[in-house]
Amino acid sequence: MAVVAVVGVLLAVLLPTLSSTMDQADAATELAAARQLTVGYVSHSTDNNGQLMTGYLSQDPTDEDHEDQYTVQGPDGSLLEGREKRRWTWRLLPYLGNSVDSLFVNQGNEYIDRFRGDDDYAYIASVYPSFGLNAEWLGGMKGATYADLHTLGKFTGDCYYTQRLADVRRPADQLVFASSRGPELEGPGTVEGYFYLLSPHYHTTGWRWNTDDSDEPLHETSTEPSRNGFVSARHRGQAATAMLDGHTDLERLQDLSDMRRWSNQAWKPDWVLELQAP
């Protein structure tokens, strides 16, 4: 009995330490992967005359980033079509050594392993990389239901997202990738991974992340991924983030509530677009 008691005490002492060590290892793995994604993202821009990668290609033939202008290969080397082609994920892979595994870390690896070899693999992989891209404000989302800011610009004649690498004024502050979480395609659950992020403020009307009953902003994780802009604070309340200058960090949702981290135009934390009347 004495031996059992001693073992129990030792486990009680060691388990929190082991858990903390594993958490730190997971975070380090994710930070390294986020850094590599950013290197690939910048390399893509450099190879394309400084043009930032479009997060979602357009289906409008009159747009310069229409999907038919791109050739994108899937996991087996065949050419992709449809939504998996339009998302940034497969288009970035050539700059990551064509390693699909570079898009997934920790829980993300476990999730995507379930679909390897399936007909839907290319599609699922395009939806649920472990990191979301801040394409709303960098490079633009130009198709489907994600194109609100792009559509607004077409209506007003202005472009509100940054299109070129050289135009970014604060590379060390400019968020590119962050740990993400999205809704399951089927069912009420969530997946630790999603391909894009939403900024904490709507484009023109203010705060849109998690709120309390009086609509006051909250900086805590919501059960609904979109209520934190699909950012996942999965590392003990922090998300792995990667900035345009290549450095990475672990940050709280509150740290990311500043619009100057998201939009190159923003000059204050609660900045929104002020549209001029035509």
Protein backbone atom coordinates (compact mmCIF):
# COMPACT_ATOMS: atom_id res chain seq x y z
CA MET A 1 0.00 0.00 0.00
CA ALA A 2 2.87 2.34 0.81
CA VAL A 3 4.38 1.75 -2.64
CA VAL A 4 1.04 2.46 -4.30
CA ALA A 5 0.71 5.65 -2.31
CA VAL A 6 4.21 6.80 -3.28
CA VAL A 7 3.54 6.08 -6.94
CA GLY A 8 0.30 8.06 -6.72
CA VAL A 9 2.09 11.05 -5.23
CA LEU A 10 4.79 10.91 -7.91
CA LEU A 11 2.20 10.77 -10.68
CA ALA A 12 0.35 13.72 -9.19
CA VAL A 13 3.61 15.70 -9.21
CA LEU A 14 4.85 14.60 -12.63
CA LEU A 15 1.67 14.66 -14.73
CA PRO A 16 1.25 18.48 -14.73
CA THR A 17 4.91 18.85 -15.67
CA LEU A 18 4.61 16.31 -18.47
CA SER A 19 1.44 17.97 -19.72
CA SER A 20 3.13 21.37 -19.71
CA THR A 21 6.14 19.98 -21.57
CA MET A 22 3.91 18.41 -24.22
CA ASP A 23 1.97 21.65 -24.62
CA GLN A 24 5.21 23.56 -25.10
CA ALA A 25 6.39 21.03 -27.68
CA ASP A 26 3.11 21.32 -29.60
CA ALA A 27 3.37 25.11 -29.57
CA ALA A 28 7.00 25.02 -30.76
CA THR A 29 6.05 22.67 -33.60
CA GLU A 30 3.24 24.96 -34.66
CA LEU A 31 5.36 28.10 -34.51
CA ALA A 32 8.00 26.47 -36.71
CA ALA A 33 5.34 25.41 -39.24
CA ALA A 34 3.80 28.90 -39.27
CA ARG A 35 7.23 30.41 -39.93
CA GLN A 36 7.77 28.04 -42.86
CA LEU A 37 4.38 28.93 -44.34
CA THR A 38 5.27 32.61 -44.20
CA VAL A 39 8.58 31.99 -45.93
CA GLY A 40 6.68 30.22 -48.72
CA TYR A 41 4.09 32.99 -48.86
CA VAL A 42 6.74 35.69 -49.28
CA SER A 43 8.63 33.59 -51.83
CA HIS A 44 5.46 33.27 -53.90
CA SER A 45 5.10 37.05 -53.85
CA THR A 46 8.73 37.55 -54.85
CA ASP A 47 8.31 35.18 -57.80
CA ASN A 48 5.20 37.06 -58.91
CA ASN A 49 6.60 40.59 -59.11
CA GLY A 50 5.65 41.38 -55.53
CA GLN A 51 1.98 40.47 -55.94
CA LEU A 52 0.49 38.98 -52.77
CA MET A 53 -1.23 35.62 -53.08
CA THR A 54 -4.99 35.73 -53.54
CA GLY A 55 -6.71 33.81 -50.76
CA TYR A 56 -9.59 32.64 -52.92
CA LEU A 57 -9.63 32.92 -56.71
CA SER A 58 -12.40 34.68 -58.56
CA GLN A 59 -15.10 33.00 -60.61
CA ASP A 60 -15.72 36.23 -62.52
CA PRO A 61 -13.99 36.08 -65.93
CA THR A 62 -13.52 39.87 -65.83
CA ASP A 63 -11.32 39.68 -62.70
CA GLU A 64 -7.55 39.48 -63.06
CA ASP A 65 -7.45 36.56 -60.62
CA HIS A 66 -9.99 34.42 -62.42
CA GLU A 67 -9.52 30.72 -61.65
CA ASP A 68 -9.01 29.75 -65.31
CA GLN A 69 -5.74 31.69 -65.30
CA TYR A 70 -4.21 29.23 -62.83
CA THR A 71 -2.97 25.66 -63.12
CA VAL A 72 -2.99 23.93 -59.75
CA GLN A 73 -1.91 20.36 -59.03
CA GLY A 74 -3.50 18.12 -56.42
CA PRO A 75 -1.95 15.43 -54.19
CA ASP A 76 -1.62 12.88 -57.00
CA GLY A 77 -0.32 15.37 -59.54
CA SER A 78 -3.64 15.74 -61.36
CA LEU A 79 -5.00 19.20 -62.09
CA LEU A 80 -7.52 20.54 -59.61
CA GLU A 81 -10.79 22.26 -60.40
CA GLY A 82 -13.47 23.85 -58.26
CA ARG A 83 -13.20 25.10 -54.71
CA GLU A 84 -10.03 23.22 -53.78
CA LYS A 85 -8.27 24.98 -56.66
CA ARG A 86 -9.53 28.41 -55.62
CA ARG A 87 -8.27 28.26 -52.04
CA TRP A 88 -4.67 29.32 -51.36
CA THR A 89 -3.65 26.00 -49.83
CA TRP A 90 -2.73 23.98 -52.93
CA ARG A 91 -1.32 27.03 -54.71
CA LEU A 92 1.16 27.61 -51.88
CA LEU A 93 2.41 24.00 -51.80
CA PRO A 94 5.09 24.39 -54.52
CA TYR A 95 6.74 26.91 -52.17
CA LEU A 96 6.65 24.38 -49.32
CA GLY A 97 8.49 21.66 -51.18
CA ASN A 98 5.13 20.21 -52.28
CA SER A 99 4.80 18.72 -48.80
CA VAL A 100 1.13 18.51 -47.87
CA ASP A 101 2.17 17.69 -44.30
CA SER A 102 3.61 21.20 -43.96
CA LEU A 103 0.03 22.50 -43.85
CA PHE A 104 -0.92 20.39 -40.84
CA VAL A 105 0.45 20.14 -37.32
CA ASN A 106 -0.51 18.31 -34.13
CA GLN A 107 -4.31 17.80 -34.10
CA GLY A 108 -4.44 18.83 -37.73
CA ASN A 109 -2.27 15.87 -38.71
CA GLU A 110 -4.57 13.48 -36.88
CA TYR A 111 -7.61 14.94 -38.60
CA ILE A 112 -6.31 14.95 -42.17
CA ASP A 113 -4.88 11.42 -41.83
CA ARG A 114 -8.47 10.16 -41.79
CA PHE A 115 -8.98 11.32 -45.37
CA ARG A 116 -5.72 10.40 -47.08
CA GLY A 117 -6.48 8.43 -50.22
CA ASP A 118 -10.16 9.42 -50.24
CA ASP A 119 -11.74 11.12 -53.24
CA ASP A 120 -12.45 14.18 -51.07
CA TYR A 121 -8.88 14.47 -49.76
CA ALA A 122 -7.85 17.45 -51.92
CA TYR A 123 -11.02 19.30 -50.95
CA ILE A 124 -10.77 18.56 -47.21
CA ALA A 125 -7.09 19.50 -47.17
CA SER A 126 -7.91 22.83 -48.83
CA VAL A 127 -10.51 23.66 -46.18
CA TYR A 128 -8.71 22.63 -42.98
CA PRO A 129 -5.01 23.55 -42.94
CA SER A 130 -3.85 24.17 -39.37
CA PHE A 131 -3.42 27.87 -40.15
CA GLY A 132 -5.78 30.49 -41.49
CA LEU A 133 -4.57 33.19 -43.87
CA ASN A 134 -5.41 36.85 -43.34
CA ALA A 135 -6.42 37.06 -47.00
CA GLU A 136 -9.33 39.37 -46.27
CA TRP A 137 -6.80 42.22 -45.94
CA LEU A 138 -3.76 40.68 -47.69
CA GLY A 139 -4.09 39.61 -51.30
CA GLY A 140 -7.88 39.54 -51.21
CA MET A 141 -10.65 36.94 -51.16
CA LYS A 142 -12.18 37.19 -54.61
CA GLY A 143 -14.80 34.50 -54.91
CA ALA A 144 -17.88 32.85 -53.39
CA THR A 145 -19.22 34.05 -50.03
CA TYR A 146 -15.79 35.25 -48.89
CA ALA A 147 -15.51 38.21 -51.28
CA ASP A 148 -17.35 40.96 -49.36
CA LEU A 149 -14.39 43.34 -49.23
CA HIS A 150 -13.47 42.67 -52.85
CA THR A 151 -17.08 43.18 -53.94
CA LEU A 152 -17.26 46.44 -52.00
CA GLY A 153 -14.17 47.66 -53.82
CA LYS A 154 -15.63 46.78 -57.20
CA PHE A 155 -18.71 48.82 -56.29
CA THR A 156 -16.78 51.89 -55.07
CA GLY A 157 -13.87 51.66 -57.50
CA ASP A 158 -11.31 51.35 -54.68
CA CYS A 159 -9.19 48.43 -53.46
CA TYR A 160 -9.22 48.04 -49.69
CA TYR A 161 -6.85 45.11 -49.25
CA THR A 162 -3.08 45.19 -49.80
CA GLN A 163 -2.06 43.80 -53.16
CA ARG A 164 1.71 44.13 -53.16
CA LEU A 165 4.41 43.07 -50.72
CA ALA A 166 6.24 46.39 -51.00
CA ASP A 167 3.12 48.31 -49.95
CA VAL A 168 3.04 46.84 -46.43
CA ARG A 169 4.20 49.59 -44.07
CA ARG A 170 4.68 47.53 -40.90
CA PRO A 171 5.86 44.00 -41.83
CA ALA A 172 6.71 43.12 -38.21
CA ASP A 173 3.12 43.84 -37.13
CA GLN A 174 1.31 42.56 -40.23
CA LEU A 175 -0.48 39.31 -39.40
CA VAL A 176 -0.29 36.70 -42.17
CA PHE A 177 -1.10 33.32 -40.60
CA ALA A 178 -2.60 32.24 -37.28
CA SER A 179 -3.77 29.01 -35.63
CA SER A 180 -7.29 28.45 -36.88
CA ARG A 181 -10.46 26.53 -36.12
CA GLY A 182 -13.48 25.97 -38.33
CA PRO A 183 -16.86 24.24 -38.45
CA GLU A 184 -17.14 20.64 -39.56
CA LEU A 185 -18.50 20.27 -43.06
CA GLU A 186 -21.14 17.93 -41.74
CA GLY A 187 -22.30 17.92 -38.14
CA PRO A 188 -22.21 20.37 -35.25
CA GLY A 189 -18.55 19.91 -34.31
CA THR A 190 -15.41 21.94 -35.01
CA VAL A 191 -12.04 21.16 -36.57
CA GLU A 192 -8.70 22.55 -35.39
CA GLY A 193 -7.85 24.16 -38.69
CA TYR A 194 -9.46 26.47 -41.25
CA PHE A 195 -8.14 28.18 -44.36
CA TYR A 196 -8.95 31.82 -43.67
CA LEU A 197 -9.38 34.35 -40.88
CA LEU A 198 -11.79 37.20 -40.21
CA SER A 199 -10.59 40.44 -38.64
CA PRO A 200 -12.10 41.50 -35.27
CA HIS A 201 -13.97 44.43 -36.83
CA TYR A 202 -16.35 44.44 -39.75
CA HIS A 203 -15.10 46.43 -42.70
CA THR A 204 -17.27 49.47 -42.02
CA THR A 205 -19.38 49.00 -38.88
CA GLY A 206 -17.18 47.92 -35.97
CA TRP A 207 -16.68 44.91 -33.73
CA ARG A 208 -17.79 41.47 -34.98
CA TRP A 209 -15.98 38.94 -32.79
CA ASN A 210 -17.39 37.39 -29.62
CA THR A 211 -19.71 39.62 -27.55
CA ASP A 212 -21.65 39.43 -24.30
CA ASP A 213 -25.41 39.83 -23.95
CA SER A 214 -25.12 43.59 -24.32
CA ASP A 215 -22.98 43.23 -27.47
CA GLU A 216 -19.86 44.40 -25.65
CA PRO A 217 -16.64 42.91 -27.09
CA LEU A 218 -15.21 39.82 -25.41
CA HIS A 219 -11.67 38.44 -25.71
CA GLU A 220 -12.40 34.84 -24.80
CA THR A 221 -12.88 31.78 -26.94
CA SER A 222 -16.37 31.23 -28.32
CA THR A 223 -17.85 27.82 -29.09
CA GLU A 224 -18.66 29.17 -32.56
CA PRO A 225 -15.37 29.50 -34.53
CA SER A 226 -16.53 32.47 -36.60
CA ARG A 227 -17.12 34.48 -33.41
CA ASN A 228 -13.35 34.65 -32.95
CA GLY A 229 -12.66 35.16 -36.65
CA PHE A 230 -11.74 31.46 -36.93
CA VAL A 231 -8.63 32.15 -34.82
CA SER A 232 -7.92 29.25 -32.44
CA ALA A 233 -6.33 30.06 -29.08
CA ARG A 234 -5.50 26.37 -28.64
CA HIS A 235 -2.19 26.82 -26.84
CA ARG A 236 -3.41 27.54 -23.31
CA GLY A 237 -5.40 30.54 -24.47
CA GLN A 238 -2.95 31.64 -27.14
CA ALA A 239 -2.74 31.27 -30.91
CA ALA A 240 0.42 30.71 -32.93
CA THR A 241 0.85 33.72 -35.22
CA ALA A 242 3.22 34.56 -38.07
CA MET A 243 3.98 38.05 -39.30
CA LEU A 244 5.12 39.21 -42.72
CA ASP A 245 8.72 39.80 -41.61
CA GLY A 246 8.93 36.08 -40.75
CA HIS A 247 8.82 36.17 -36.97
CA THR A 248 6.28 34.14 -35.00
CA ASP A 249 4.67 34.42 -31.59
CA LEU A 250 2.05 33.02 -29.24
CA GLU A 251 -0.67 35.63 -28.73
CA ARG A 252 -3.96 35.99 -26.91
CA LEU A 253 -7.17 36.88 -28.70
CA GLN A 254 -6.97 40.27 -27.00
CA ASP A 255 -3.57 40.85 -28.63
CA LEU A 256 -5.18 40.23 -32.02
CA SER A 257 -8.17 42.52 -31.49
CA ASP A 258 -6.15 45.48 -32.82
CA MET A 259 -7.06 46.22 -36.47
CA ARG A 260 -3.53 47.53 -37.07
CA ARG A 261 -2.44 43.88 -36.98
CA TRP A 262 -4.82 43.01 -39.80
CA SER A 263 -5.11 45.89 -42.24
CA ASN A 264 -2.22 47.82 -43.69
CA GLN A 265 -4.46 50.90 -43.74
CA ALA A 266 -5.48 50.77 -40.08
CA TRP A 267 -4.12 53.52 -37.85
CA LYS A 268 -5.96 52.76 -34.60
CA PRO A 269 -7.12 49.55 -32.84
CA ASP A 270 -10.83 50.00 -33.65
CA TRP A 271 -10.26 51.26 -37.19
CA VAL A 272 -12.92 50.65 -39.85
CA LEU A 273 -13.26 51.85 -43.41
CA GLU A 274 -14.78 55.29 -43.84
CA LEU A 275 -16.40 55.26 -47.25
CA GLN A 276 -16.78 58.46 -49.21
CA ALA A 277 -20.22 59.21 -50.60
CA PRO A 278 -20.22 59.04 -54.42
